C-alpha atoms as a PDB file:
ATOM      1  CA  UNK A   1       6.922-216.804 -57.145  1.00  0.00           C
ATOM      2  CA  UNK A   2       6.165-216.254 -53.499  1.00  0.00           C
ATOM      3  CA  UNK A   3       3.697-213.768 -51.977  1.00  0.00           C
ATOM      4  CA  UNK A   4       6.390-211.183 -51.077  1.00  0.00           C
ATOM      5  CA  UNK A   5       7.782-210.951 -54.762  1.00  0.00           C
ATOM      6  CA  UNK A   6       4.185-210.679 -56.077  1.00  0.00           C
ATOM      7  CA  UNK A   7       3.382-207.671 -53.872  1.00  0.00           C
ATOM      8  CA  UNK A   8       6.655-205.861 -54.698  1.00  0.00           C
ATOM      9  CA  UNK A   9       6.066-206.315 -58.396  1.00  0.00           C
ATOM     10  CA  UNK A  10       2.555-205.066 -58.196  1.00  0.00           C
ATOM     11  CA  UNK A  11       3.626-201.949 -56.335  1.00  0.00           C
ATOM     12  CA  UNK A  12       6.361-201.217 -58.899  1.00  0.00           C
ATOM     13  CA  UNK A  13       3.871-201.579 -61.859  1.00  0.00           C
ATOM     14  CA  UNK A  14       1.365-199.257 -60.076  1.00  0.00           C
ATOM     15  CA  UNK A  15       4.099-196.579 -59.523  1.00  0.00           C
ATOM     16  CA  UNK A  16       5.105-196.692 -63.210  1.00  0.00           C
ATOM     17  CA  UNK A  17       1.520-196.108 -64.351  1.00  0.00           C
ATOM     18  CA  UNK A  18       0.593-193.309 -61.957  1.00  0.00           C
ATOM     19  CA  UNK A  19       3.949-191.818 -60.917  1.00  0.00           C
ATOM     20  CA  UNK A  20       3.460-188.417 -62.426  1.00  0.00           C
ATOM     21  CA  UNK A  21       0.190-187.886 -60.583  1.00  0.00           C
ATOM     22  CA  UNK A  22       1.624-189.001 -57.203  1.00  0.00           C
ATOM     23  CA  UNK A  23       4.566-186.533 -57.683  1.00  0.00           C
ATOM     24  CA  UNK A  24       2.317-183.537 -58.519  1.00  0.00           C
ATOM     25  CA  UNK A  25       0.296-184.159 -55.283  1.00  0.00           C
ATOM     26  CA  UNK A  26       3.245-183.524 -53.026  1.00  0.00           C
ATOM     27  CA  UNK A  27       5.075-180.630 -54.713  1.00  0.00           C
ATOM     28  CA  UNK A  28       4.428-177.221 -52.918  1.00  0.00           C
ATOM     29  CA  UNK A  29       3.286-174.227 -55.052  1.00  0.00           C
ATOM     30  CA  UNK A  30       6.073-171.777 -56.008  1.00  0.00           C
ATOM     31  CA  UNK A  31       5.724-168.466 -54.010  1.00  0.00           C
ATOM     32  CA  UNK A  32       4.982-165.422 -56.081  1.00  0.00           C
ATOM     33  CA  UNK A  33       7.745-162.949 -56.737  1.00  0.00           C
ATOM     34  CA  UNK A  34       7.827-160.173 -54.214  1.00  0.00           C
ATOM     35  CA  UNK A  35       8.106-156.510 -55.469  1.00  0.00           C
ATOM     36  CA  UNK A  36      10.332-154.499 -53.165  1.00  0.00           C
ATOM     37  CA  UNK A  37      10.058-150.717 -52.851  1.00  0.00           C
ATOM     38  CA  UNK A  38      12.305-148.928 -55.291  1.00  0.00           C
ATOM     39  CA  UNK A  39      14.090-145.730 -54.753  1.00  0.00           C
ATOM     40  CA  UNK A  40      13.039-142.895 -57.114  1.00  0.00           C
ATOM     41  CA  UNK A  41      15.898-140.417 -57.779  1.00  0.00           C
ATOM     42  CA  UNK A  42      14.152-138.576 -60.689  1.00  0.00           C
ATOM     43  CA  UNK A  43      12.941-135.766 -58.397  1.00  0.00           C
ATOM     44  CA  UNK A  44      15.649-135.566 -55.792  1.00  0.00           C
ATOM     45  CA  UNK A  45      16.182-137.316 -52.470  1.00  0.00           C
ATOM     46  CA  UNK A  46      13.506-139.036 -50.345  1.00  0.00           C
ATOM     47  CA  UNK A  47      11.244-140.359 -52.984  1.00  0.00           C
ATOM     48  CA  UNK A  48      10.351-143.974 -53.665  1.00  0.00           C
ATOM     49  CA  UNK A  49       8.077-145.660 -56.198  1.00  0.00           C
ATOM     50  CA  UNK A  50       4.574-146.630 -55.053  1.00  0.00           C
ATOM     51  CA  UNK A  51       4.607-150.409 -55.757  1.00  0.00           C
ATOM     52  CA  UNK A  52       2.977-151.237 -59.077  1.00  0.00           C
ATOM     53  CA  UNK A  53       3.092-147.648 -60.354  1.00  0.00           C
ATOM     54  CA  UNK A  54       5.467-145.179 -61.903  1.00  0.00           C
ATOM     55  CA  UNK A  55       4.462-142.601 -59.344  1.00  0.00           C
ATOM     56  CA  UNK A  56       7.076-141.364 -56.824  1.00  0.00           C
ATOM     57  CA  UNK A  57       6.070-140.676 -53.261  1.00  0.00           C
ATOM     58  CA  UNK A  58       7.791-138.581 -50.617  1.00  0.00           C
ATOM     59  CA  UNK A  59       6.678-138.359 -46.967  1.00  0.00           C
ATOM     60  CA  UNK A  60       8.036-135.779 -44.539  1.00  0.00           C
ATOM     61  CA  UNK A  61       7.078-133.549 -41.765  1.00  0.00           C
ATOM     62  CA  UNK A  62       8.035-132.469 -38.250  1.00  0.00           C
ATOM     63  CA  UNK A  63       7.324-132.836 -34.502  1.00  0.00           C
ATOM     64  CA  UNK A  64       7.385-129.527 -32.733  1.00  0.00           C
ATOM     65  CA  UNK A  65       7.146-128.521 -29.107  1.00  0.00           C
ATOM     66  CA  UNK A  66       7.391-124.944 -27.916  1.00  0.00           C
ATOM     67  CA  UNK A  67       6.628-122.619 -25.044  1.00  0.00           C
ATOM     68  CA  UNK A  68       5.242-119.240 -26.167  1.00  0.00           C
ATOM     69  CA  UNK A  69       5.039-116.016 -24.059  1.00  0.00           C
ATOM     70  CA  UNK A  70       2.370-113.278 -24.723  1.00  0.00           C
ATOM     71  CA  UNK A  71       0.995-110.760 -22.156  1.00  0.00           C
ATOM     72  CA  UNK A  72      -2.419-111.090 -23.690  1.00  0.00           C
ATOM     73  CA  UNK A  73      -2.883-114.794 -23.143  1.00  0.00           C
ATOM     74  CA  UNK A  74      -6.186-115.383 -21.250  1.00  0.00           C
ATOM     75  CA  UNK A  75      -5.780-119.101 -20.241  1.00  0.00           C
ATOM     76  CA  UNK A  76      -6.556-118.739 -16.527  1.00  0.00           C
ATOM     77  CA  UNK A  77      -4.677-115.500 -16.402  1.00  0.00           C
ATOM     78  CA  UNK A  78      -1.386-117.115 -17.496  1.00  0.00           C
ATOM     79  CA  UNK A  79       0.915-115.283 -19.952  1.00  0.00           C
ATOM     80  CA  UNK A  80       2.709-118.451 -21.301  1.00  0.00           C
ATOM     81  CA  UNK A  81       1.307-121.276 -23.370  1.00  0.00           C
ATOM     82  CA  UNK A  82       2.955-124.622 -24.222  1.00  0.00           C
ATOM     83  CA  UNK A  83       2.188-126.246 -27.652  1.00  0.00           C
ATOM     84  CA  UNK A  84       3.060-129.474 -29.274  1.00  0.00           C
ATOM     85  CA  UNK A  85       2.303-130.185 -32.868  1.00  0.00           C
ATOM     86  CA  UNK A  86       2.694-133.036 -35.412  1.00  0.00           C
ATOM     87  CA  UNK A  87       2.839-132.322 -39.086  1.00  0.00           C
ATOM     88  CA  UNK A  88       2.774-134.723 -42.068  1.00  0.00           C
ATOM     89  CA  UNK A  89       3.285-133.816 -45.727  1.00  0.00           C
ATOM     90  CA  UNK A  90       2.789-136.169 -48.710  1.00  0.00           C
ATOM     91  CA  UNK A  91       4.158-135.337 -52.103  1.00  0.00           C
ATOM     92  CA  UNK A  92       3.457-137.591 -55.095  1.00  0.00           C
ATOM     93  CA  UNK A  93       5.147-136.922 -58.459  1.00  0.00           C
ATOM     94  CA  UNK A  94       5.029-138.550 -61.924  1.00  0.00           C
ATOM     95  CA  UNK A  95       6.374-137.603 -65.429  1.00  0.00           C
ATOM     96  CA  UNK A  96       3.875-136.619 -68.046  1.00  0.00           C
ATOM     97  CA  UNK A  97       3.926-134.971 -71.476  1.00  0.00           C
ATOM     98  CA  UNK A  98       3.350-131.675 -69.648  1.00  0.00           C
ATOM     99  CA  UNK A  99       6.184-132.165 -67.248  1.00  0.00           C
ATOM    100  CA  UNK A 100       6.020-133.235 -63.613  1.00  0.00           C
ATOM    101  CA  UNK A 101       2.548-133.884 -62.166  1.00  0.00           C
ATOM    102  CA  UNK A 102       2.497-133.313 -58.391  1.00  0.00           C
ATOM    103  CA  UNK A 103      -0.075-133.748 -55.773  1.00  0.00           C
ATOM    104  CA  UNK A 104       0.432-132.362 -52.176  1.00  0.00           C
ATOM    105  CA  UNK A 105      -1.427-133.231 -48.949  1.00  0.00           C
ATOM    106  CA  UNK A 106      -0.511-131.566 -45.651  1.00  0.00           C
ATOM    107  CA  UNK A 107      -1.998-132.622 -42.312  1.00  0.00           C
ATOM    108  CA  UNK A 108      -1.516-130.870 -38.999  1.00  0.00           C
ATOM    109  CA  UNK A 109      -2.401-132.213 -35.487  1.00  0.00           C
ATOM    110  CA  UNK A 110      -2.112-130.051 -32.347  1.00  0.00           C
ATOM    111  CA  UNK A 111      -2.170-131.029 -28.721  1.00  0.00           C
ATOM    112  CA  UNK A 112      -5.701-129.583 -28.216  1.00  0.00           C
ATOM    113  CA  UNK A 113      -7.070-132.462 -30.401  1.00  0.00           C
ATOM    114  CA  UNK A 114      -7.446-130.366 -33.504  1.00  0.00           C
ATOM    115  CA  UNK A 115      -6.481-132.165 -36.628  1.00  0.00           C
ATOM    116  CA  UNK A 116      -7.033-130.373 -39.934  1.00  0.00           C
ATOM    117  CA  UNK A 117      -6.069-130.252 -43.580  1.00  0.00           C
ATOM    118  CA  UNK A 118      -3.250-127.689 -43.943  1.00  0.00           C
ATOM    119  CA  UNK A 119      -3.195-127.814 -47.734  1.00  0.00           C
ATOM    120  CA  UNK A 120      -4.108-130.145 -50.640  1.00  0.00           C
ATOM    121  CA  UNK A 121      -3.415-129.076 -54.211  1.00  0.00           C
ATOM    122  CA  UNK A 122      -2.307-130.205 -57.708  1.00  0.00           C
ATOM    123  CA  UNK A 123       0.618-128.762 -59.588  1.00  0.00           C
ATOM    124  CA  UNK A 124       1.494-129.162 -63.243  1.00  0.00           C
ATOM    125  CA  UNK A 125       3.180-127.011 -65.954  1.00  0.00           C
ATOM    126  CA  UNK A 126       3.318-123.999 -63.689  1.00  0.00           C
ATOM    127  CA  UNK A 127      -0.309-124.307 -62.494  1.00  0.00           C
ATOM    128  CA  UNK A 128      -1.236-124.748 -58.873  1.00  0.00           C
ATOM    129  CA  UNK A 129      -4.931-125.561 -58.167  1.00  0.00           C
ATOM    130  CA  UNK A 130      -6.503-126.481 -54.754  1.00  0.00           C
ATOM    131  CA  UNK A 131      -6.345-125.493 -51.138  1.00  0.00           C
ATOM    132  CA  UNK A 132      -2.978-123.838 -50.492  1.00  0.00           C
ATOM    133  CA  UNK A 133      -1.170-120.891 -48.989  1.00  0.00           C
ATOM    134  CA  UNK A 134      -1.205-117.725 -51.151  1.00  0.00           C
ATOM    135  CA  UNK A 135       1.789-115.451 -51.944  1.00  0.00           C
ATOM    136  CA  UNK A 136       0.890-113.173 -48.858  1.00  0.00           C
ATOM    137  CA  UNK A 137       2.110-116.072 -46.613  1.00  0.00           C
ATOM    138  CA  UNK A 138       5.682-115.312 -47.689  1.00  0.00           C
ATOM    139  CA  UNK A 139       7.745-112.898 -45.559  1.00  0.00           C
ATOM    140  CA  UNK A 140      11.175-112.096 -44.204  1.00  0.00           C
ATOM    141  CA  UNK A 141      13.063-114.994 -42.583  1.00  0.00           C
ATOM    142  CA  UNK A 142      12.824-113.920 -38.951  1.00  0.00           C
ATOM    143  CA  UNK A 143       9.828-113.940 -36.508  1.00  0.00           C
ATOM    144  CA  UNK A 144       9.420-110.173 -36.136  1.00  0.00           C
ATOM    145  CA  UNK A 145       7.854-108.841 -39.368  1.00  0.00           C
ATOM    146  CA  UNK A 146       4.116-108.536 -39.767  1.00  0.00           C
ATOM    147  CA  UNK A 147       3.658-107.961 -43.558  1.00  0.00           C
ATOM    148  CA  UNK A 148       0.990-110.515 -44.463  1.00  0.00           C
ATOM    149  CA  UNK A 149      -2.497-111.619 -43.990  1.00  0.00           C
ATOM    150  CA  UNK A 150      -3.964-113.600 -41.129  1.00  0.00           C
ATOM    151  CA  UNK A 151      -5.833-115.716 -43.629  1.00  0.00           C
ATOM    152  CA  UNK A 152      -3.445-117.077 -46.214  1.00  0.00           C
ATOM    153  CA  UNK A 153      -4.791-120.603 -46.686  1.00  0.00           C
ATOM    154  CA  UNK A 154      -7.690-120.898 -49.087  1.00  0.00           C
ATOM    155  CA  UNK A 155      -8.800-122.388 -52.364  1.00  0.00           C
ATOM    156  CA  UNK A 156      -6.802-120.836 -55.133  1.00  0.00           C
ATOM    157  CA  UNK A 157      -5.867-121.239 -58.873  1.00  0.00           C
ATOM    158  CA  UNK A 158      -2.746-119.702 -59.968  1.00  0.00           C
ATOM    159  CA  UNK A 159      -0.005-119.836 -62.752  1.00  0.00           C
ATOM    160  CA  UNK A 160       3.614-119.035 -62.193  1.00  0.00           C
ATOM    161  CA  UNK A 161       6.117-118.664 -65.090  1.00  0.00           C
ATOM    162  CA  UNK A 162       9.542-119.266 -63.526  1.00  0.00           C
ATOM    163  CA  UNK A 163      12.894-119.346 -65.419  1.00  0.00           C
ATOM    164  CA  UNK A 164      14.874-119.449 -62.075  1.00  0.00           C
ATOM    165  CA  UNK A 165      16.091-115.823 -62.648  1.00  0.00           C
ATOM    166  CA  UNK A 166      12.702-114.337 -63.377  1.00  0.00           C
ATOM    167  CA  UNK A 167       9.122-115.129 -62.176  1.00  0.00           C
ATOM    168  CA  UNK A 168       5.807-113.740 -63.143  1.00  0.00           C
ATOM    169  CA  UNK A 169       2.383-115.102 -61.948  1.00  0.00           C
ATOM    170  CA  UNK A 170      -1.356-114.527 -61.588  1.00  0.00           C
ATOM    171  CA  UNK A 171      -3.697-116.026 -59.027  1.00  0.00           C
ATOM    172  CA  UNK A 172      -7.424-116.078 -58.357  1.00  0.00           C
ATOM    173  CA  UNK A 173      -8.264-116.735 -54.564  1.00  0.00           C
ATOM    174  CA  UNK A 174     -11.453-117.634 -52.796  1.00  0.00           C
ATOM    175  CA  UNK A 175     -11.684-115.212 -49.775  1.00  0.00           C
ATOM    176  CA  UNK A 176     -12.549-117.127 -46.585  1.00  0.00           C
ATOM    177  CA  UNK A 177     -12.268-116.558 -42.902  1.00  0.00           C
ATOM    178  CA  UNK A 178     -11.885-113.407 -40.883  1.00  0.00           C
ATOM    179  CA  UNK A 179     -14.266-110.587 -40.085  1.00  0.00           C
ATOM    180  CA  UNK A 180     -13.487-108.774 -43.396  1.00  0.00           C
ATOM    181  CA  UNK A 181     -15.205-111.190 -45.595  1.00  0.00           C
ATOM    182  CA  UNK A 182     -18.985-111.166 -46.145  1.00  0.00           C
ATOM    183  CA  UNK A 183     -19.946-114.840 -46.780  1.00  0.00           C
ATOM    184  CA  UNK A 184     -23.481-113.831 -47.932  1.00  0.00           C
ATOM    185  CA  UNK A 185     -22.255-112.383 -51.184  1.00  0.00           C
ATOM    186  CA  UNK A 186     -21.011-113.858 -54.487  1.00  0.00           C
ATOM    187  CA  UNK A 187     -17.920-111.607 -54.748  1.00  0.00           C
ATOM    188  CA  UNK A 188     -15.809-113.320 -52.049  1.00  0.00           C
ATOM    189  CA  UNK A 189     -12.774-113.483 -54.458  1.00  0.00           C
ATOM    190  CA  UNK A 190      -9.537-111.847 -54.900  1.00  0.00           C
ATOM    191  CA  UNK A 191      -7.019-111.471 -57.735  1.00  0.00           C
ATOM    192  CA  UNK A 192      -3.247-111.221 -57.498  1.00  0.00           C
ATOM    193  CA  UNK A 193      -0.259-110.657 -59.583  1.00  0.00           C
ATOM    194  CA  UNK A 194       3.441-111.398 -58.884  1.00  0.00           C
ATOM    195  CA  UNK A 195       6.776-110.359 -60.354  1.00  0.00           C
ATOM    196  CA  UNK A 196      10.059-111.721 -58.999  1.00  0.00           C
ATOM    197  CA  UNK A 197      13.726-111.890 -59.867  1.00  0.00           C
ATOM    198  CA  UNK A 198      17.005-113.409 -58.693  1.00  0.00           C
ATOM    199  CA  UNK A 199      20.228-111.865 -59.837  1.00  0.00           C
ATOM    200  CA  UNK A 200      23.393-113.079 -58.197  1.00  0.00           C
ATOM    201  CA  UNK A 201      22.748-112.780 -54.423  1.00  0.00           C
ATOM    202  CA  UNK A 202      19.785-110.368 -54.818  1.00  0.00           C
ATOM    203  CA  UNK A 203      16.175-111.549 -54.847  1.00  0.00           C
ATOM    204  CA  UNK A 204      13.077-109.502 -55.193  1.00  0.00           C
ATOM    205  CA  UNK A 205       9.345-110.260 -55.025  1.00  0.00           C
ATOM    206  CA  UNK A 206       6.573-107.823 -55.732  1.00  0.00           C
ATOM    207  CA  UNK A 207       2.787-108.583 -55.260  1.00  0.00           C
ATOM    208  CA  UNK A 208      -0.408-106.643 -55.968  1.00  0.00           C
ATOM    209  CA  UNK A 209      -3.877-108.006 -54.925  1.00  0.00           C
ATOM    210  CA  UNK A 210      -7.425-106.782 -55.170  1.00  0.00           C
ATOM    211  CA  UNK A 211     -10.214-107.833 -52.800  1.00  0.00           C
ATOM    212  CA  UNK A 212     -13.505-107.796 -54.847  1.00  0.00           C
ATOM    213  CA  UNK A 213     -15.515-108.118 -51.656  1.00  0.00           C
ATOM    214  CA  UNK A 214     -14.006-105.068 -49.866  1.00  0.00           C
ATOM    215  CA  UNK A 215     -13.192-103.346 -53.145  1.00  0.00           C
ATOM    216  CA  UNK A 216      -9.768-102.525 -51.797  1.00  0.00           C
ATOM    217  CA  UNK A 217      -6.192-103.295 -52.826  1.00  0.00           C
ATOM    218  CA  UNK A 218      -2.930-104.233 -51.138  1.00  0.00           C
ATOM    219  CA  UNK A 219       0.693-104.074 -52.449  1.00  0.00           C
ATOM    220  CA  UNK A 220       3.954-105.528 -51.112  1.00  0.00           C
ATOM    221  CA  UNK A 221       7.576-105.724 -52.051  1.00  0.00           C
ATOM    222  CA  UNK A 222      10.349-107.847 -50.536  1.00  0.00           C
ATOM    223  CA  UNK A 223      14.005-107.469 -51.385  1.00  0.00           C
ATOM    224  CA  UNK A 224      16.881-109.509 -49.986  1.00  0.00           C
ATOM    225  CA  UNK A 225      20.647-109.497 -50.746  1.00  0.00           C
ATOM    226  CA  UNK A 226      23.714-111.364 -49.544  1.00  0.00           C
ATOM    227  CA  UNK A 227      25.836-108.873 -47.553  1.00  0.00           C
ATOM    228  CA  UNK A 228      28.887-109.861 -45.579  1.00  0.00           C
ATOM    229  CA  UNK A 229      28.316-112.877 -43.344  1.00  0.00           C
ATOM    230  CA  UNK A 230      24.567-112.790 -43.763  1.00  0.00           C
ATOM    231  CA  UNK A 231      21.457-111.774 -45.674  1.00  0.00           C
ATOM    232  CA  UNK A 232      19.955-108.290 -45.624  1.00  0.00           C
ATOM    233  CA  UNK A 233      16.172-108.012 -46.108  1.00  0.00           C
ATOM    234  CA  UNK A 234      13.767-105.117 -46.681  1.00  0.00           C
ATOM    235  CA  UNK A 235       9.982-105.130 -47.122  1.00  0.00           C
ATOM    236  CA  UNK A 236       7.273-102.565 -47.677  1.00  0.00           C
ATOM    237  CA  UNK A 237       3.526-102.924 -47.727  1.00  0.00           C
ATOM    238  CA  UNK A 238       0.550-100.553 -48.533  1.00  0.00           C
ATOM    239  CA  UNK A 239      -3.113-101.078 -48.337  1.00  0.00           C
ATOM    240  CA  UNK A 240      -5.826 -98.808 -49.556  1.00  0.00           C
ATOM    241  CA  UNK A 241      -8.079 -99.833 -46.725  1.00  0.00           C
ATOM    242  CA  UNK A 242      -8.611-103.024 -44.671  1.00  0.00           C
ATOM    243  CA  UNK A 243      -8.986-106.017 -46.851  1.00  0.00           C
ATOM    244  CA  UNK A 244      -8.342-109.749 -47.004  1.00  0.00           C
ATOM    245  CA  UNK A 245      -4.767-109.459 -48.066  1.00  0.00           C
ATOM    246  CA  UNK A 246      -3.554-106.811 -45.511  1.00  0.00           C
ATOM    247  CA  UNK A 247      -5.511-105.297 -42.709  1.00  0.00           C
ATOM    248  CA  UNK A 248      -2.896-104.342 -40.025  1.00  0.00           C
ATOM    249  CA  UNK A 249      -2.109-100.776 -41.029  1.00  0.00           C
ATOM    250  CA  UNK A 250      -2.204 -98.502 -44.019  1.00  0.00           C
ATOM    251  CA  UNK A 251       1.424 -98.928 -44.627  1.00  0.00           C
ATOM    252  CA  UNK A 252       4.502-100.474 -43.077  1.00  0.00           C
ATOM    253  CA  UNK A 253       8.176-101.050 -43.659  1.00  0.00           C
ATOM    254  CA  UNK A 254      10.389-103.723 -42.180  1.00  0.00           C
ATOM    255  CA  UNK A 255      14.084-104.662 -42.219  1.00  0.00           C
ATOM    256  CA  UNK A 256      16.205-107.531 -40.875  1.00  0.00           C
ATOM    257  CA  UNK A 257      19.712-108.891 -41.186  1.00  0.00           C
ATOM    258  CA  UNK A 258      20.099-112.673 -40.825  1.00  0.00           C
ATOM    259  CA  UNK A 259      23.697-113.227 -39.512  1.00  0.00           C
ATOM    260  CA  UNK A 260      25.147-116.740 -40.149  1.00  0.00           C
ATOM    261  CA  UNK A 261      27.339-116.830 -36.983  1.00  0.00           C
ATOM    262  CA  UNK A 262      28.499-120.412 -37.501  1.00  0.00           C
ATOM    263  CA  UNK A 263      27.552-123.404 -39.620  1.00  0.00           C
ATOM    264  CA  UNK A 264      24.823-124.174 -37.192  1.00  0.00           C
ATOM    265  CA  UNK A 265      23.885-120.917 -35.608  1.00  0.00           C
ATOM    266  CA  UNK A 266      22.071-117.831 -37.012  1.00  0.00           C
ATOM    267  CA  UNK A 267      20.879-114.629 -35.422  1.00  0.00           C
ATOM    268  CA  UNK A 268      18.361-112.243 -36.991  1.00  0.00           C
ATOM    269  CA  UNK A 269      17.768-108.776 -35.573  1.00  0.00           C
ATOM    270  CA  UNK A 270      14.758-107.046 -37.042  1.00  0.00           C
ATOM    271  CA  UNK A 271      12.460-104.009 -36.942  1.00  0.00           C
ATOM    272  CA  UNK A 272       9.165-102.766 -38.369  1.00  0.00           C
ATOM    273  CA  UNK A 273       7.324 -99.510 -38.466  1.00  0.00           C
ATOM    274  CA  UNK A 274       3.570 -99.226 -38.934  1.00  0.00           C
ATOM    275  CA  UNK A 275       1.889 -96.054 -40.368  1.00  0.00           C
ATOM    276  CA  UNK A 276      -1.721 -95.368 -39.460  1.00  0.00           C
ATOM    277  CA  UNK A 277      -1.897 -98.562 -37.343  1.00  0.00           C
ATOM    278  CA  UNK A 278      -5.415-100.126 -37.498  1.00  0.00           C
ATOM    279  CA  UNK A 279      -6.133 -97.591 -40.238  1.00  0.00           C
ATOM    280  CA  UNK A 280      -6.508 -94.893 -37.715  1.00  0.00           C
ATOM    281  CA  UNK A 281      -5.092 -91.650 -39.008  1.00  0.00           C
ATOM    282  CA  UNK A 282      -2.026 -90.549 -37.090  1.00  0.00           C
ATOM    283  CA  UNK A 283      -1.805 -93.744 -34.959  1.00  0.00           C
ATOM    284  CA  UNK A 284       1.563 -95.277 -35.522  1.00  0.00           C
ATOM    285  CA  UNK A 285       3.386 -98.276 -34.008  1.00  0.00           C
ATOM    286  CA  UNK A 286       6.897 -99.833 -34.103  1.00  0.00           C
ATOM    287  CA  UNK A 287       8.263-103.283 -33.298  1.00  0.00           C
ATOM    288  CA  UNK A 288      11.814-104.647 -32.691  1.00  0.00           C
ATOM    289  CA  UNK A 289      13.006-108.206 -32.093  1.00  0.00           C
ATOM    290  CA  UNK A 290      15.590-110.800 -32.472  1.00  0.00           C
ATOM    291  CA  UNK A 291      15.369-114.403 -33.680  1.00  0.00           C
ATOM    292  CA  UNK A 292      18.031-117.092 -33.234  1.00  0.00           C
ATOM    293  CA  UNK A 293      18.161-120.641 -34.491  1.00  0.00           C
ATOM    294  CA  UNK A 294      20.541-123.580 -33.910  1.00  0.00           C
ATOM    295  CA  UNK A 295      20.936-126.832 -35.684  1.00  0.00           C
ATOM    296  CA  UNK A 296      21.621-129.263 -32.859  1.00  0.00           C
ATOM    297  CA  UNK A 297      22.149-132.243 -35.110  1.00  0.00           C
ATOM    298  CA  UNK A 298      20.762-133.505 -38.462  1.00  0.00           C
ATOM    299  CA  UNK A 299      17.017-133.427 -38.168  1.00  0.00           C
ATOM    300  CA  UNK A 300      16.882-131.580 -34.809  1.00  0.00           C
ATOM    301  CA  UNK A 301      16.891-127.822 -34.372  1.00  0.00           C
ATOM    302  CA  UNK A 302      15.837-125.124 -31.958  1.00  0.00           C
ATOM    303  CA  UNK A 303      14.433-121.605 -32.553  1.00  0.00           C
ATOM    304  CA  UNK A 304      13.789-118.737 -30.132  1.00  0.00           C
ATOM    305  CA  UNK A 305      12.538-115.220 -30.564  1.00  0.00           C
ATOM    306  CA  UNK A 306      11.826-112.084 -28.453  1.00  0.00           C
ATOM    307  CA  UNK A 307       9.858-109.213 -29.690  1.00  0.00           C
ATOM    308  CA  UNK A 308       8.727-105.831 -28.253  1.00  0.00           C
ATOM    309  CA  UNK A 309       5.901-103.782 -29.749  1.00  0.00           C
ATOM    310  CA  UNK A 310       4.800-100.180 -29.042  1.00  0.00           C
ATOM    311  CA  UNK A 311       1.525 -98.917 -30.319  1.00  0.00           C
ATOM    312  CA  UNK A 312       0.343 -95.295 -29.871  1.00  0.00           C
ATOM    313  CA  UNK A 313      -2.186 -94.874 -27.088  1.00  0.00           C
ATOM    314  CA  UNK A 314      -1.816 -98.582 -26.213  1.00  0.00           C
ATOM    315  CA  UNK A 315       0.238-100.544 -23.672  1.00  0.00           C
ATOM    316  CA  UNK A 316       3.547-101.880 -25.067  1.00  0.00           C
ATOM    317  CA  UNK A 317       3.806-105.606 -25.232  1.00  0.00           C
ATOM    318  CA  UNK A 318       6.520-108.435 -25.118  1.00  0.00           C
ATOM    319  CA  UNK A 319       6.083-111.643 -27.042  1.00  0.00           C
ATOM    320  CA  UNK A 320       8.248-114.617 -27.827  1.00  0.00           C
ATOM    321  CA  UNK A 321       8.709-118.331 -27.866  1.00  0.00           C
ATOM    322  CA  UNK A 322      11.265-121.132 -27.486  1.00  0.00           C
ATOM    323  CA  UNK A 323      10.891-124.046 -29.928  1.00  0.00           C
ATOM    324  CA  UNK A 324      12.377-127.509 -30.297  1.00  0.00           C
ATOM    325  CA  UNK A 325      11.665-129.217 -33.637  1.00  0.00           C
ATOM    326  CA  UNK A 326      12.478-132.632 -35.184  1.00  0.00           C
ATOM    327  CA  UNK A 327      12.318-132.493 -38.973  1.00  0.00           C
ATOM    328  CA  UNK A 328      12.076-135.602 -41.160  1.00  0.00           C
END
């Protein structure tokens, strides 16, 4: 046996004894399975499962830019004001034995550097608890009516029973902001009740609220109906005296007609009359305006409004804006 044969035989014997270990040393580890984002269609369009959970998340919002006109603007004497805003909303849903459990977070950022929380609340089994807009934030569809409060975002707990055709609800609201609330007392709270209905093309909403701090009440009704090529809307509001829920006038009535001119264009003429404006006996006011909106393409729309207001013993005033908004 020569030297070459001896070396080859020794190498073969060594490989036979330790072959398994040598093979293990050079095999790469298997990559872990990747979990892709799954679409969640249990709650409608736009939701996806948060990886590793059964919670569905939806992200939306808008980018808005507009130029507003107001004769009372004080920015270096100008009567126009440009504005750009970014808005994000997060909605998380999951099924429970009590029905859908939902959490909402809304964030708003404006071009002046102000970024703030524009709502964060929990919703389950008809209950809404957290920082949210109360029922007085609702109104007619146009940009003319003035039938709500200037401070509609606050901490609130409410319950709404909704069958689709009939709604009834009750709410307790923390009163915050504005000059009508005394922050040094323990009665900065309000209570509200709601009754609503939908029958065919007719919808009604009626609200009554009591401000425990001011010890005053406010009441409002809104009625809309499908008429011809559009929707006709009426509203009436009454306040016993200035309070958190309504402080513009003792009473007011408003009307509008939202005309669907085409599939993409709507036009809404509207008017409102105020009785005892500013709660001054015999001082009335009236306001007229028109709002028009056009859906340029999917996700992009424009909105414009022009309004004229005349108050007894005050100068009349024109206001309006032109807006471009990208929704997503």
